[in-house]
């Protein structure tokens, strides 16, 4: 059985006590330490584990409740809800999921959501994009092309690109779902980055460039198809990396 998530200062920025406890308990729930239907430890045990105040703990429980992870009832305690209640469109929940092992089923789910959302965003972006949107997309492409040796720099430019497509769509709902896209990309880059192979790097950059080319000439259908191709290429690259990891 996996061990409970650690409570510590994270290297990528200092989190508040509230955020650290929420993250640790959230990851414990998503990781199966506290499976659906089980009760999380009582107040005194959690306070002892993390060394925080009751006020902080109560706010943490409110946060986890709002994210659909738990439900608290008087004289019953705090119970973990079934995963069907978990809000996977929440940026924190998705981030905590990234901290767990990614099973093939969840990666498939992410891909299906991307295929439903991103081609549509690209289609609408082709109709609504401004000159500023187009310039931002071109900037992202330039940064992706320049990132020939840094997987991190390529990933950041790639994330910026997909966010920019969402903004160019002018659809606030599409933009609000960017956390799903970011999680899928982070998971993908964790296992395989185009930067590791020169040919793969160029294929990825050119694929994204075709999206921008179509958006520039306001060809929504072509932009949507180019986005599908980019997502498909990422899936193929990930599958290849998994096969190589097993051999």
C-alpha atoms as a PDB file:
ATOM      1  CA  UNK A   1       0.000   0.000   0.000  1.00  0.00           C
ATOM      2  CA  UNK A   2       1.296   3.439  -0.854  1.00  0.00           C
ATOM      3  CA  UNK A   3       2.431   5.792   1.888  1.00  0.00           C
ATOM      4  CA  UNK A   4       0.575   9.008   2.725  1.00  0.00           C
ATOM      5  CA  UNK A   5       1.782  12.068   0.856  1.00  0.00           C
ATOM      6  CA  UNK A   6       4.505  14.015   2.613  1.00  0.00           C
ATOM      7  CA  UNK A   7       3.936  17.451   4.150  1.00  0.00           C
ATOM      8  CA  UNK A   8       6.800  19.713   3.177  1.00  0.00           C
ATOM      9  CA  UNK A   9       7.919  22.804   1.311  1.00  0.00           C
ATOM     10  CA  UNK A  10       7.773  22.164  -2.404  1.00  0.00           C
ATOM     11  CA  UNK A  11      10.678  23.163  -4.572  1.00  0.00           C
ATOM     12  CA  UNK A  12       8.495  24.797  -7.214  1.00  0.00           C
ATOM     13  CA  UNK A  13       7.241  27.471  -4.844  1.00  0.00           C
ATOM     14  CA  UNK A  14       6.179  27.811  -1.240  1.00  0.00           C
ATOM     15  CA  UNK A  15       2.616  26.709  -0.547  1.00  0.00           C
ATOM     16  CA  UNK A  16       0.535  27.950   2.372  1.00  0.00           C
ATOM     17  CA  UNK A  17      -0.252  25.540   5.203  1.00  0.00           C
ATOM     18  CA  UNK A  18      -3.787  25.246   3.835  1.00  0.00           C
ATOM     19  CA  UNK A  19      -2.574  24.379   0.333  1.00  0.00           C
ATOM     20  CA  UNK A  20       0.009  21.887   1.581  1.00  0.00           C
ATOM     21  CA  UNK A  21      -2.485  19.989   3.721  1.00  0.00           C
ATOM     22  CA  UNK A  22      -5.137  20.060   0.975  1.00  0.00           C
ATOM     23  CA  UNK A  23      -2.578  18.760  -1.522  1.00  0.00           C
ATOM     24  CA  UNK A  24      -1.359  15.983   0.775  1.00  0.00           C
ATOM     25  CA  UNK A  25      -4.851  14.765   1.677  1.00  0.00           C
ATOM     26  CA  UNK A  26      -6.055  15.193  -1.899  1.00  0.00           C
ATOM     27  CA  UNK A  27      -3.193  13.088  -3.214  1.00  0.00           C
ATOM     28  CA  UNK A  28      -3.849  10.462  -0.542  1.00  0.00           C
ATOM     29  CA  UNK A  29      -7.459  10.236  -1.729  1.00  0.00           C
ATOM     30  CA  UNK A  30      -6.625  10.127  -5.433  1.00  0.00           C
ATOM     31  CA  UNK A  31      -3.816   7.664  -4.757  1.00  0.00           C
ATOM     32  CA  UNK A  32      -6.091   5.226  -2.949  1.00  0.00           C
ATOM     33  CA  UNK A  33      -4.702   5.649   0.562  1.00  0.00           C
ATOM     34  CA  UNK A  34      -8.259   6.585   1.506  1.00  0.00           C
ATOM     35  CA  UNK A  35     -10.437   4.826  -1.105  1.00  0.00           C
ATOM     36  CA  UNK A  36     -14.044   5.764  -1.926  1.00  0.00           C
ATOM     37  CA  UNK A  37     -16.377   4.862   0.912  1.00  0.00           C
ATOM     38  CA  UNK A  38     -13.656   4.985   3.553  1.00  0.00           C
ATOM     39  CA  UNK A  39     -13.303   7.624   6.243  1.00  0.00           C
ATOM     40  CA  UNK A  40     -10.319   9.916   6.437  1.00  0.00           C
ATOM     41  CA  UNK A  41      -8.607  10.149   9.848  1.00  0.00           C
ATOM     42  CA  UNK A  42     -10.255  12.173  12.585  1.00  0.00           C
ATOM     43  CA  UNK A  43      -9.427  15.760  13.408  1.00  0.00           C
ATOM     44  CA  UNK A  44      -6.926  15.004  16.182  1.00  0.00           C
ATOM     45  CA  UNK A  45      -4.941  12.581  14.004  1.00  0.00           C
ATOM     46  CA  UNK A  46      -4.748  15.014  11.090  1.00  0.00           C
ATOM     47  CA  UNK A  47      -3.768  17.884  13.399  1.00  0.00           C
ATOM     48  CA  UNK A  48      -0.987  15.731  14.856  1.00  0.00           C
ATOM     49  CA  UNK A  49       0.225  14.681  11.407  1.00  0.00           C
ATOM     50  CA  UNK A  50       0.443  18.173   9.945  1.00  0.00           C
ATOM     51  CA  UNK A  51       0.821  20.407  12.971  1.00  0.00           C
ATOM     52  CA  UNK A  52      -1.687  22.987  11.753  1.00  0.00           C
ATOM     53  CA  UNK A  53      -4.514  24.799  13.530  1.00  0.00           C
ATOM     54  CA  UNK A  54      -8.128  23.638  13.638  1.00  0.00           C
ATOM     55  CA  UNK A  55      -9.051  26.697  11.599  1.00  0.00           C
ATOM     56  CA  UNK A  56      -6.688  25.655   8.797  1.00  0.00           C
ATOM     57  CA  UNK A  57      -7.954  22.069   8.886  1.00  0.00           C
ATOM     58  CA  UNK A  58     -11.593  23.139   8.675  1.00  0.00           C
ATOM     59  CA  UNK A  59     -10.829  25.286   5.643  1.00  0.00           C
ATOM     60  CA  UNK A  60      -8.988  22.349   4.056  1.00  0.00           C
ATOM     61  CA  UNK A  61     -12.003  20.090   4.541  1.00  0.00           C
ATOM     62  CA  UNK A  62     -14.244  22.755   2.993  1.00  0.00           C
ATOM     63  CA  UNK A  63     -11.882  22.899   0.005  1.00  0.00           C
ATOM     64  CA  UNK A  64     -11.862  19.124  -0.491  1.00  0.00           C
ATOM     65  CA  UNK A  65     -15.645  19.062  -0.128  1.00  0.00           C
ATOM     66  CA  UNK A  66     -16.031  21.735  -2.809  1.00  0.00           C
ATOM     67  CA  UNK A  67     -13.842  19.649  -5.137  1.00  0.00           C
ATOM     68  CA  UNK A  68     -16.154  16.667  -4.709  1.00  0.00           C
ATOM     69  CA  UNK A  69     -13.640  14.467  -2.880  1.00  0.00           C
ATOM     70  CA  UNK A  70     -15.284  14.144   0.530  1.00  0.00           C
ATOM     71  CA  UNK A  71     -18.529  14.648   2.437  1.00  0.00           C
ATOM     72  CA  UNK A  72     -18.789  15.350   6.169  1.00  0.00           C
ATOM     73  CA  UNK A  73     -21.749  14.339   8.324  1.00  0.00           C
ATOM     74  CA  UNK A  74     -22.352  14.884  12.019  1.00  0.00           C
ATOM     75  CA  UNK A  75     -21.692  11.766  14.136  1.00  0.00           C
ATOM     76  CA  UNK A  76     -20.601   9.920  11.002  1.00  0.00           C
ATOM     77  CA  UNK A  77     -17.314  11.563  10.121  1.00  0.00           C
ATOM     78  CA  UNK A  78     -15.737  12.540   6.828  1.00  0.00           C
ATOM     79  CA  UNK A  79     -16.159  10.005   4.032  1.00  0.00           C
ATOM     80  CA  UNK A  80     -14.383   9.820   0.678  1.00  0.00           C
ATOM     81  CA  UNK A  81     -16.856  10.074  -2.189  1.00  0.00           C
ATOM     82  CA  UNK A  82     -16.900   7.843  -5.258  1.00  0.00           C
ATOM     83  CA  UNK A  83     -14.601   9.064  -8.037  1.00  0.00           C
ATOM     84  CA  UNK A  84     -17.649   9.932 -10.140  1.00  0.00           C
ATOM     85  CA  UNK A  85     -18.103  12.935  -7.826  1.00  0.00           C
ATOM     86  CA  UNK A  86     -14.507  14.161  -8.118  1.00  0.00           C
ATOM     87  CA  UNK A  87     -14.171  17.375 -10.100  1.00  0.00           C
ATOM     88  CA  UNK A  88     -11.491  16.501 -12.634  1.00  0.00           C
ATOM     89  CA  UNK A  89     -11.971  19.867 -14.328  1.00  0.00           C
ATOM     90  CA  UNK A  90     -10.539  21.460 -11.186  1.00  0.00           C
ATOM     91  CA  UNK A  91      -6.914  22.509 -11.672  1.00  0.00           C
ATOM     92  CA  UNK A  92      -5.866  21.280  -8.205  1.00  0.00           C
ATOM     93  CA  UNK A  93      -7.501  17.872  -8.590  1.00  0.00           C
ATOM     94  CA  UNK A  94      -5.808  17.400 -11.949  1.00  0.00           C
ATOM     95  CA  UNK A  95      -2.482  18.535 -10.503  1.00  0.00           C
ATOM     96  CA  UNK A  96      -2.811  16.023  -7.677  1.00  0.00           C
ATOM     97  CA  UNK A  97      -3.654  13.335 -10.208  1.00  0.00           C
ATOM     98  CA  UNK A  98      -0.431  14.133 -12.067  1.00  0.00           C
ATOM     99  CA  UNK A  99       1.365  13.399  -8.801  1.00  0.00           C
ATOM    100  CA  UNK A 100       0.016   9.844  -8.930  1.00  0.00           C
ATOM    101  CA  UNK A 101       0.833   7.132 -11.435  1.00  0.00           C
ATOM    102  CA  UNK A 102      -1.068   7.686 -14.682  1.00  0.00           C
ATOM    103  CA  UNK A 103      -2.981   4.618 -15.782  1.00  0.00           C
ATOM    104  CA  UNK A 104      -3.815   4.038 -19.435  1.00  0.00           C
ATOM    105  CA  UNK A 105      -7.512   4.574 -18.797  1.00  0.00           C
ATOM    106  CA  UNK A 106      -7.062   8.074 -17.408  1.00  0.00           C
ATOM    107  CA  UNK A 107      -4.710   9.050 -20.244  1.00  0.00           C
ATOM    108  CA  UNK A 108      -7.362   7.831 -22.673  1.00  0.00           C
ATOM    109  CA  UNK A 109      -9.969   9.947 -20.898  1.00  0.00           C
ATOM    110  CA  UNK A 110      -7.752  13.026 -21.163  1.00  0.00           C
ATOM    111  CA  UNK A 111      -7.158  12.417 -24.863  1.00  0.00           C
ATOM    112  CA  UNK A 112     -10.866  12.033 -25.561  1.00  0.00           C
ATOM    113  CA  UNK A 113     -11.639  15.302 -23.785  1.00  0.00           C
ATOM    114  CA  UNK A 114      -8.868  17.063 -25.700  1.00  0.00           C
ATOM    115  CA  UNK A 115     -10.221  15.742 -29.000  1.00  0.00           C
ATOM    116  CA  UNK A 116     -13.661  17.040 -28.062  1.00  0.00           C
ATOM    117  CA  UNK A 117     -12.479  20.491 -26.980  1.00  0.00           C
ATOM    118  CA  UNK A 118      -9.308  21.594 -28.743  1.00  0.00           C
ATOM    119  CA  UNK A 119     -10.290  21.103 -32.402  1.00  0.00           C
ATOM    120  CA  UNK A 120     -13.466  23.063 -31.636  1.00  0.00           C
ATOM    121  CA  UNK A 121     -11.402  25.824 -30.025  1.00  0.00           C
ATOM    122  CA  UNK A 122      -9.117  25.951 -33.072  1.00  0.00           C
ATOM    123  CA  UNK A 123     -12.140  26.090 -35.395  1.00  0.00           C
ATOM    124  CA  UNK A 124     -13.634  29.051 -33.532  1.00  0.00           C
ATOM    125  CA  UNK A 125     -10.232  30.736 -33.164  1.00  0.00           C
ATOM    126  CA  UNK A 126      -9.951  30.791 -36.964  1.00  0.00           C
ATOM    127  CA  UNK A 127     -13.141  32.842 -37.080  1.00  0.00           C
ATOM    128  CA  UNK A 128     -12.475  35.184 -34.166  1.00  0.00           C
ATOM    129  CA  UNK A 129      -8.723  35.567 -33.860  1.00  0.00           C
ATOM    130  CA  UNK A 130      -7.247  39.049 -33.709  1.00  0.00           C
ATOM    131  CA  UNK A 131      -3.910  40.214 -35.049  1.00  0.00           C
ATOM    132  CA  UNK A 132      -2.631  40.091 -31.468  1.00  0.00           C
ATOM    133  CA  UNK A 133      -3.779  36.479 -31.084  1.00  0.00           C
ATOM    134  CA  UNK A 134      -1.995  35.523 -34.277  1.00  0.00           C
ATOM    135  CA  UNK A 135       1.205  37.231 -33.146  1.00  0.00           C
ATOM    136  CA  UNK A 136       1.084  35.362 -29.835  1.00  0.00           C
ATOM    137  CA  UNK A 137       0.637  32.028 -31.595  1.00  0.00           C
ATOM    138  CA  UNK A 138       3.590  32.775 -33.876  1.00  0.00           C
ATOM    139  CA  UNK A 139       5.682  33.700 -30.827  1.00  0.00           C
ATOM    140  CA  UNK A 140       4.893  30.332 -29.251  1.00  0.00           C
ATOM    141  CA  UNK A 141       5.898  28.529 -32.443  1.00  0.00           C
ATOM    142  CA  UNK A 142       9.209  30.418 -32.519  1.00  0.00           C
ATOM    143  CA  UNK A 143       9.927  29.428 -28.916  1.00  0.00           C
ATOM    144  CA  UNK A 144       9.072  25.793 -29.628  1.00  0.00           C
ATOM    145  CA  UNK A 145      11.395  25.782 -32.627  1.00  0.00           C
ATOM    146  CA  UNK A 146      14.212  27.363 -30.600  1.00  0.00           C
ATOM    147  CA  UNK A 147      13.884  24.816 -27.778  1.00  0.00           C
ATOM    148  CA  UNK A 148      16.081  22.155 -29.363  1.00  0.00           C
ATOM    149  CA  UNK A 149      17.857  21.032 -26.196  1.00  0.00           C
ATOM    150  CA  UNK A 150      15.536  21.878 -23.312  1.00  0.00           C
ATOM    151  CA  UNK A 151      12.475  19.684 -22.809  1.00  0.00           C
ATOM    152  CA  UNK A 152      11.218  22.108 -20.158  1.00  0.00           C
ATOM    153  CA  UNK A 153      11.408  25.135 -22.455  1.00  0.00           C
ATOM    154  CA  UNK A 154       9.636  23.225 -25.222  1.00  0.00           C
ATOM    155  CA  UNK A 155       6.895  22.101 -22.830  1.00  0.00           C
ATOM    156  CA  UNK A 156       6.348  25.653 -21.564  1.00  0.00           C
ATOM    157  CA  UNK A 157       6.092  27.009 -25.110  1.00  0.00           C
ATOM    158  CA  UNK A 158       3.728  24.173 -26.053  1.00  0.00           C
ATOM    159  CA  UNK A 159       1.506  24.911 -23.048  1.00  0.00           C
ATOM    160  CA  UNK A 160       1.518  28.617 -23.934  1.00  0.00           C
ATOM    161  CA  UNK A 161       0.470  27.724 -27.479  1.00  0.00           C
ATOM    162  CA  UNK A 162      -2.566  25.722 -26.417  1.00  0.00           C
ATOM    163  CA  UNK A 163      -3.587  28.409 -23.924  1.00  0.00           C
ATOM    164  CA  UNK A 164      -3.280  30.985 -26.709  1.00  0.00           C
ATOM    165  CA  UNK A 165      -5.585  28.973 -28.974  1.00  0.00           C
ATOM    166  CA  UNK A 166      -8.150  28.931 -26.176  1.00  0.00           C
ATOM    167  CA  UNK A 167      -7.883  32.694 -25.736  1.00  0.00           C
ATOM    168  CA  UNK A 168      -8.134  33.257 -29.484  1.00  0.00           C
ATOM    169  CA  UNK A 169     -11.404  31.325 -29.502  1.00  0.00           C
ATOM    170  CA  UNK A 170     -12.948  34.045 -27.368  1.00  0.00           C
ATOM    171  CA  UNK A 171     -14.955  31.346 -25.573  1.00  0.00           C
ATOM    172  CA  UNK A 172     -14.611  31.619 -21.796  1.00  0.00           C
ATOM    173  CA  UNK A 173     -15.770  28.032 -21.236  1.00  0.00           C
ATOM    174  CA  UNK A 174     -13.110  26.658 -23.567  1.00  0.00           C
ATOM    175  CA  UNK A 175     -10.519  28.777 -21.784  1.00  0.00           C
ATOM    176  CA  UNK A 176     -11.692  27.581 -18.360  1.00  0.00           C
ATOM    177  CA  UNK A 177     -11.062  23.965 -19.374  1.00  0.00           C
ATOM    178  CA  UNK A 178      -7.412  24.639 -20.145  1.00  0.00           C
ATOM    179  CA  UNK A 179      -6.428  22.756 -16.968  1.00  0.00           C
ATOM    180  CA  UNK A 180      -7.408  19.498 -18.681  1.00  0.00           C
ATOM    181  CA  UNK A 181      -5.186  20.288 -21.656  1.00  0.00           C
ATOM    182  CA  UNK A 182      -2.291  21.296 -19.427  1.00  0.00           C
ATOM    183  CA  UNK A 183      -2.549  18.109 -17.377  1.00  0.00           C
ATOM    184  CA  UNK A 184      -2.547  15.960 -20.515  1.00  0.00           C
ATOM    185  CA  UNK A 185       0.511  17.765 -21.859  1.00  0.00           C
ATOM    186  CA  UNK A 186       2.402  17.597 -18.568  1.00  0.00           C
ATOM    187  CA  UNK A 187       1.684  13.870 -18.325  1.00  0.00           C
ATOM    188  CA  UNK A 188       2.838  13.380 -21.904  1.00  0.00           C
ATOM    189  CA  UNK A 189       6.062  15.347 -21.485  1.00  0.00           C
ATOM    190  CA  UNK A 190       6.855  13.478 -18.277  1.00  0.00           C
ATOM    191  CA  UNK A 191       7.146  10.276 -20.308  1.00  0.00           C
ATOM    192  CA  UNK A 192       8.248  11.575 -23.692  1.00  0.00           C
ATOM    193  CA  UNK A 193       9.393  14.911 -25.113  1.00  0.00           C
ATOM    194  CA  UNK A 194       9.841  15.732 -28.821  1.00  0.00           C
ATOM    195  CA  UNK A 195      13.098  17.482 -27.925  1.00  0.00           C
ATOM    196  CA  UNK A 196      14.752  14.109 -27.349  1.00  0.00           C
ATOM    197  CA  UNK A 197      14.680  13.346 -31.078  1.00  0.00           C
ATOM    198  CA  UNK A 198      15.454  15.900 -33.805  1.00  0.00           C
ATOM    199  CA  UNK A 199      12.919  14.476 -36.267  1.00  0.00           C
ATOM    200  CA  UNK A 200      10.183  14.342 -33.629  1.00  0.00           C
ATOM    201  CA  UNK A 201      10.918  17.927 -32.632  1.00  0.00           C
ATOM    202  CA  UNK A 202      10.468  19.171 -36.198  1.00  0.00           C
ATOM    203  CA  UNK A 203       7.303  17.121 -36.739  1.00  0.00           C
ATOM    204  CA  UNK A 204       5.782  18.579 -33.573  1.00  0.00           C
ATOM    205  CA  UNK A 205       6.704  22.171 -34.443  1.00  0.00           C
ATOM    206  CA  UNK A 206       5.410  21.850 -38.003  1.00  0.00           C
ATOM    207  CA  UNK A 207       2.188  20.302 -36.752  1.00  0.00           C
ATOM    208  CA  UNK A 208       1.542  23.274 -34.484  1.00  0.00           C
ATOM    209  CA  UNK A 209       2.547  25.643 -37.260  1.00  0.00           C
ATOM    210  CA  UNK A 210      -0.156  24.177 -39.524  1.00  0.00           C
ATOM    211  CA  UNK A 211      -2.725  25.069 -36.884  1.00  0.00           C
ATOM    212  CA  UNK A 212      -1.568  28.688 -36.934  1.00  0.00           C
ATOM    213  CA  UNK A 213      -1.442  28.785 -40.732  1.00  0.00           C
ATOM    214  CA  UNK A 214      -5.076  27.668 -40.872  1.00  0.00           C
ATOM    215  CA  UNK A 215      -6.133  30.121 -38.160  1.00  0.00           C
ATOM    216  CA  UNK A 216      -4.373  32.930 -40.020  1.00  0.00           C
ATOM    217  CA  UNK A 217      -6.389  32.351 -43.227  1.00  0.00           C
ATOM    218  CA  UNK A 218      -9.557  31.759 -41.164  1.00  0.00           C
ATOM    219  CA  UNK A 219      -9.950  28.149 -42.309  1.00  0.00           C
ATOM    220  CA  UNK A 220     -11.702  26.631 -39.308  1.00  0.00           C
ATOM    221  CA  UNK A 221     -11.981  23.113 -40.711  1.00  0.00           C
ATOM    222  CA  UNK A 222      -8.268  22.969 -41.499  1.00  0.00           C
ATOM    223  CA  UNK A 223      -7.379  24.382 -38.079  1.00  0.00           C
ATOM    224  CA  UNK A 224      -9.517  21.758 -36.354  1.00  0.00           C
ATOM    225  CA  UNK A 225      -7.982  18.924 -38.382  1.00  0.00           C
ATOM    226  CA  UNK A 226      -4.462  20.196 -37.755  1.00  0.00           C
ATOM    227  CA  UNK A 227      -5.217  20.214 -34.028  1.00  0.00           C
ATOM    228  CA  UNK A 228      -6.487  16.621 -34.201  1.00  0.00           C
ATOM    229  CA  UNK A 229      -3.267  15.654 -35.959  1.00  0.00           C
ATOM    230  CA  UNK A 230      -1.139  17.289 -33.256  1.00  0.00           C
ATOM    231  CA  UNK A 231      -3.033  15.472 -30.506  1.00  0.00           C
ATOM    232  CA  UNK A 232      -2.770  12.199 -32.421  1.00  0.00           C
ATOM    233  CA  UNK A 233       0.969  12.641 -32.876  1.00  0.00           C
ATOM    234  CA  UNK A 234       1.378  13.160 -29.141  1.00  0.00           C
ATOM    235  CA  UNK A 235      -0.574   9.978 -28.416  1.00  0.00           C
ATOM    236  CA  UNK A 236       1.586   7.997 -30.852  1.00  0.00           C
ATOM    237  CA  UNK A 237       4.780   9.378 -29.318  1.00  0.00           C
ATOM    238  CA  UNK A 238       3.590   8.455 -25.833  1.00  0.00           C
ATOM    239  CA  UNK A 239       2.654   4.920 -26.905  1.00  0.00           C
ATOM    240  CA  UNK A 240       6.090   4.493 -28.480  1.00  0.00           C
ATOM    241  CA  UNK A 241       7.798   5.688 -25.295  1.00  0.00           C
ATOM    242  CA  UNK A 242       5.795   3.238 -23.184  1.00  0.00           C
ATOM    243  CA  UNK A 243       6.733   0.322 -25.450  1.00  0.00           C
ATOM    244  CA  UNK A 244      10.410   1.296 -25.316  1.00  0.00           C
ATOM    245  CA  UNK A 245      10.253   1.575 -21.526  1.00  0.00           C
ATOM    246  CA  UNK A 246       9.042  -2.022 -21.278  1.00  0.00           C
ATOM    247  CA  UNK A 247      11.789  -3.459 -23.502  1.00  0.00           C
END
